[in-house]
Protein backbone atom coordinates (compact mmCIF):
# COMPACT_ATOMS: atom_id res chain seq x y z
CA MET A 1 -24.48 -30.00 -43.65
CA ARG A 2 -24.53 -30.33 -39.53
CA LEU A 3 -21.13 -29.24 -37.42
CA THR A 4 -19.66 -31.62 -34.67
CA THR A 5 -19.72 -29.49 -31.43
CA ALA A 6 -15.94 -29.42 -32.05
CA GLU A 7 -16.43 -27.71 -35.24
CA ARG A 8 -18.88 -25.31 -34.08
CA ASP A 9 -16.58 -24.91 -31.19
CA VAL A 10 -13.74 -23.57 -33.70
CA GLN A 11 -15.79 -21.35 -35.78
CA GLN A 12 -17.36 -19.67 -32.38
CA PHE A 13 -13.75 -19.27 -31.60
CA ALA A 14 -12.89 -17.66 -35.15
CA THR A 15 -15.76 -15.60 -35.06
CA ARG A 16 -14.43 -14.18 -31.86
CA VAL A 17 -11.02 -13.41 -33.36
CA ALA A 18 -11.98 -12.07 -36.67
CA TRP A 19 -14.54 -9.81 -34.52
CA TYR A 20 -11.96 -8.29 -32.00
CA TYR A 21 -9.45 -7.82 -35.31
CA TYR A 22 -12.00 -6.52 -38.23
CA LYS A 23 -14.53 -4.85 -35.99
CA THR A 24 -12.82 -3.75 -32.62
CA GLY A 25 -9.30 -2.77 -34.43
CA LEU A 26 -7.58 -4.69 -31.74
CA THR A 27 -3.74 -5.47 -33.09
CA GLN A 28 -2.94 -9.35 -33.65
CA SER A 29 -0.71 -9.46 -30.81
CA GLU A 30 -3.20 -7.86 -28.39
CA ILE A 31 -6.08 -10.50 -29.57
CA ALA A 32 -2.90 -13.27 -28.87
CA LYS A 33 -2.37 -11.77 -25.37
CA GLN A 34 -6.22 -11.64 -24.61
CA LEU A 35 -6.88 -15.12 -25.65
CA GLY A 36 -3.42 -16.81 -24.45
CA LEU A 37 -2.12 -17.66 -28.05
CA ASN A 38 0.80 -16.66 -30.19
CA ARG A 39 0.79 -14.13 -32.69
CA ALA A 40 1.43 -16.89 -35.57
CA ARG A 41 -2.13 -18.70 -34.15
CA VAL A 42 -4.02 -15.59 -34.62
CA ILE A 43 -3.10 -15.14 -38.03
CA ASN A 44 -3.66 -18.89 -39.26
CA ILE A 45 -7.09 -18.56 -37.46
CA LEU A 46 -8.07 -15.22 -39.50
CA ASN A 47 -6.61 -16.64 -42.91
CA GLU A 48 -8.52 -20.00 -42.38
CA ALA A 49 -11.28 -17.83 -41.54
CA ARG A 50 -11.05 -15.98 -44.94
CA ASN A 51 -9.70 -18.70 -47.05
CA SER A 52 -12.83 -20.86 -46.08
CA GLY A 53 -15.07 -18.09 -47.10
CA PHE A 54 -16.57 -17.53 -43.16
CA VAL A 55 -15.01 -14.13 -42.76
CA SER A 56 -15.23 -11.73 -45.81
CA ILE A 57 -13.75 -8.73 -46.66
CA HIS A 58 -15.56 -5.66 -48.33
CA VAL A 59 -13.63 -2.74 -49.45
CA ALA A 60 -16.49 0.33 -50.12
CA GLY A 61 -15.57 2.99 -52.58
CA ARG A 62 -14.38 3.77 -56.11
CA THR A 63 -11.72 1.70 -57.36
CA PRO A 64 -8.83 4.44 -58.67
CA ALA A 65 -8.79 4.49 -62.48
CA CYS A 66 -5.48 4.15 -62.80
CA TRP A 67 -5.41 0.60 -61.10
CA ASP A 68 -6.16 -1.35 -64.13
CA TRP A 69 -3.07 0.77 -65.59
CA LYS A 70 -1.08 -0.14 -62.78
CA THR A 71 -1.96 -3.68 -63.23
CA ARG A 72 -0.60 -3.94 -67.09
CA PHE A 73 2.04 -1.41 -67.09
CA GLY A 74 3.40 -0.92 -63.15
CA ASN A 75 3.72 2.37 -61.19
CA VAL A 76 4.06 5.24 -64.12
CA GLY A 77 3.35 8.81 -64.11
CA ASP A 78 0.81 9.63 -61.67
CA CYS A 79 -0.29 6.34 -61.07
CA ALA A 80 3.06 5.51 -59.30
CA ARG A 81 1.84 7.14 -55.82
């Protein structure tokens, strides 16, 4: 599928917003100020990027053993933390 110029521009802008947020650690408010947007628009851009699969989040590390327990039974005992 070939993107239109407008679609490509939107994707590049979303890339810029995601880069600022996920890679440089700027807050949504800082990004909004820098790009002349409101914070709600930044949130929408980030959500659209994630929902479309354009941005994916990978958490590296071991899953604590009690997460399955928490899912089934809630916060009990040592898994309450």
